[in-house]
Amino acid sequence: MKVKDLIAALGKLDPNSDVYGYCEDESLQTTEKLFSVFFIDGANDHMAVTERNEKGNPTVKFDSGPGSRKLAFVNMTADF
C-alpha cells in the first residue's frame, strides 16, 4: 500500500477514532490466538533495504547504503 492509498482509506473513517491494526499471519497464530491486534502509535520514514532471508522470509535492514530506499513505517504496539 502506498502512503496516498492509506491516507485515502483513513480519510473515509471517523477522524476521532483510535486506529488499530490486526494480523492473521500464521507465524503469529496459536491455537488460542488466531490473530494479533496492535495499537498504531505513530508513523515515520527510514532508509532501509528490503530483502528475504535464506528461508524466504521478508526482512528489513535499516541502512542508507547500497540498495536502500526511503520507506514509510507505521509504528505499532501490542499494548493498548
C-alpha atoms as a PDB file:
ATOM      1  CA  MET A   1       0.000   0.000   0.000  1.00  0.00           C
ATOM      2  CA  LYS A   2       1.254   3.460  -0.833  1.00  0.00           C
ATOM      3  CA  VAL A   3       1.006   6.364   1.641  1.00  0.00           C
ATOM      4  CA  LYS A   4      -1.534   8.118  -0.601  1.00  0.00           C
ATOM      5  CA  ASP A   5      -3.733   4.990  -0.551  1.00  0.00           C
ATOM      6  CA  LEU A   6      -3.545   4.743   3.241  1.00  0.00           C
ATOM      7  CA  ILE A   7      -4.419   8.434   3.583  1.00  0.00           C
ATOM      8  CA  ALA A   8      -7.399   7.958   1.262  1.00  0.00           C
ATOM      9  CA  ALA A   9      -8.606   4.918   3.214  1.00  0.00           C
ATOM     10  CA  LEU A  10      -8.224   6.654   6.577  1.00  0.00           C
ATOM     11  CA  GLY A  11      -9.929   9.765   5.173  1.00  0.00           C
ATOM     12  CA  LYS A  12     -13.152   7.751   4.871  1.00  0.00           C
ATOM     13  CA  LEU A  13     -13.205   6.988   8.599  1.00  0.00           C
ATOM     14  CA  ASP A  14     -14.267   8.950  11.660  1.00  0.00           C
ATOM     15  CA  PRO A  15     -11.249  11.205  12.369  1.00  0.00           C
ATOM     16  CA  ASN A  16     -11.784  10.805  16.138  1.00  0.00           C
ATOM     17  CA  SER A  17     -11.473   7.004  16.064  1.00  0.00           C
ATOM     18  CA  ASP A  18      -8.472   5.227  17.578  1.00  0.00           C
ATOM     19  CA  VAL A  19      -6.542   3.249  14.963  1.00  0.00           C
ATOM     20  CA  TYR A  20      -5.678  -0.418  15.441  1.00  0.00           C
ATOM     21  CA  GLY A  21      -4.179  -2.992  13.136  1.00  0.00           C
ATOM     22  CA  TYR A  22      -4.574  -6.717  13.148  1.00  0.00           C
ATOM     23  CA  CYS A  23      -2.708  -9.574  11.566  1.00  0.00           C
ATOM     24  CA  GLU A  24      -3.851 -13.106  10.774  1.00  0.00           C
ATOM     25  CA  ASP A  25      -0.377 -14.253   9.696  1.00  0.00           C
ATOM     26  CA  GLU A  26       0.100 -17.937  10.534  1.00  0.00           C
ATOM     27  CA  SER A  27       3.532 -17.242  12.043  1.00  0.00           C
ATOM     28  CA  LEU A  28       1.843 -15.249  14.850  1.00  0.00           C
ATOM     29  CA  GLN A  29      -1.047 -17.662  15.419  1.00  0.00           C
ATOM     30  CA  THR A  30      -1.518 -20.088  18.278  1.00  0.00           C
ATOM     31  CA  THR A  31      -4.443 -22.411  18.990  1.00  0.00           C
ATOM     32  CA  GLU A  32      -5.776 -19.819  21.455  1.00  0.00           C
ATOM     33  CA  LYS A  33      -4.977 -16.760  19.354  1.00  0.00           C
ATOM     34  CA  LEU A  34      -5.891 -16.786  15.664  1.00  0.00           C
ATOM     35  CA  PHE A  35      -4.971 -13.124  15.092  1.00  0.00           C
ATOM     36  CA  SER A  36      -2.941 -10.358  16.732  1.00  0.00           C
ATOM     37  CA  VAL A  37      -4.189  -6.829  17.447  1.00  0.00           C
ATOM     38  CA  PHE A  38      -1.875  -3.815  17.557  1.00  0.00           C
ATOM     39  CA  PHE A  39      -2.376  -0.174  18.539  1.00  0.00           C
ATOM     40  CA  ILE A  40      -0.918   2.219  15.984  1.00  0.00           C
ATOM     41  CA  ASP A  41       1.009   4.926  17.789  1.00  0.00           C
ATOM     42  CA  GLY A  42       2.841   6.739  15.016  1.00  0.00           C
ATOM     43  CA  ALA A  43       4.323   6.799  11.540  1.00  0.00           C
ATOM     44  CA  ASN A  44       7.644   7.887  10.082  1.00  0.00           C
ATOM     45  CA  ASP A  45      10.095   7.095   7.332  1.00  0.00           C
ATOM     46  CA  HIS A  46      13.513   5.449   7.367  1.00  0.00           C
ATOM     47  CA  MET A  47      16.133   4.490   4.835  1.00  0.00           C
ATOM     48  CA  ALA A  48      16.116   0.703   4.619  1.00  0.00           C
ATOM     49  CA  VAL A  49      16.973  -2.293   2.496  1.00  0.00           C
ATOM     50  CA  THR A  50      14.268  -4.924   1.986  1.00  0.00           C
ATOM     51  CA  GLU A  51      15.252  -8.498   1.198  1.00  0.00           C
ATOM     52  CA  ARG A  52      14.472 -12.110   2.010  1.00  0.00           C
ATOM     53  CA  ASN A  53      16.492 -14.357   4.276  1.00  0.00           C
ATOM     54  CA  GLU A  54      17.627 -17.896   3.443  1.00  0.00           C
ATOM     55  CA  LYS A  55      14.167 -19.227   4.398  1.00  0.00           C
ATOM     56  CA  GLY A  56      12.444 -16.743   2.080  1.00  0.00           C
ATOM     57  CA  ASN A  57      11.056 -14.601   4.910  1.00  0.00           C
ATOM     58  CA  PRO A  58      10.974 -10.840   4.322  1.00  0.00           C
ATOM     59  CA  THR A  59      13.478  -8.792   6.321  1.00  0.00           C
ATOM     60  CA  VAL A  60      14.283  -5.101   6.676  1.00  0.00           C
ATOM     61  CA  LYS A  61      17.747  -3.721   7.366  1.00  0.00           C
ATOM     62  CA  PHE A  62      17.756  -0.074   8.493  1.00  0.00           C
ATOM     63  CA  ASP A  63      20.658   1.269   6.451  1.00  0.00           C
ATOM     64  CA  SER A  64      21.329   4.046   3.971  1.00  0.00           C
ATOM     65  CA  GLY A  65      23.866   2.014   1.974  1.00  0.00           C
ATOM     66  CA  PRO A  66      23.600   0.364  -1.439  1.00  0.00           C
ATOM     67  CA  GLY A  67      20.123  -0.886  -2.307  1.00  0.00           C
ATOM     68  CA  SER A  68      18.427   1.259   0.327  1.00  0.00           C
ATOM     69  CA  ARG A  69      15.323   3.347  -0.260  1.00  0.00           C
ATOM     70  CA  LYS A  70      13.091   5.550   1.855  1.00  0.00           C
ATOM     71  CA  LEU A  71      10.190   3.551   3.275  1.00  0.00           C
ATOM     72  CA  ALA A  72       7.202   4.655   5.341  1.00  0.00           C
ATOM     73  CA  PHE A  73       6.636   2.724   8.577  1.00  0.00           C
ATOM     74  CA  VAL A  74       3.569   2.586  10.798  1.00  0.00           C
ATOM     75  CA  ASN A  75       4.651   2.097  14.412  1.00  0.00           C
ATOM     76  CA  MET A  76       2.573  -0.439  16.323  1.00  0.00           C
ATOM     77  CA  THR A  77       2.493  -1.822  19.841  1.00  0.00           C
ATOM     78  CA  ALA A  78       0.691  -4.792  21.346  1.00  0.00           C
ATOM     79  CA  ASP A  79      -0.079  -2.641  24.400  1.00  0.00           C
ATOM     80  CA  PHE A  80      -3.308  -0.664  24.045  1.00  0.00           C
END
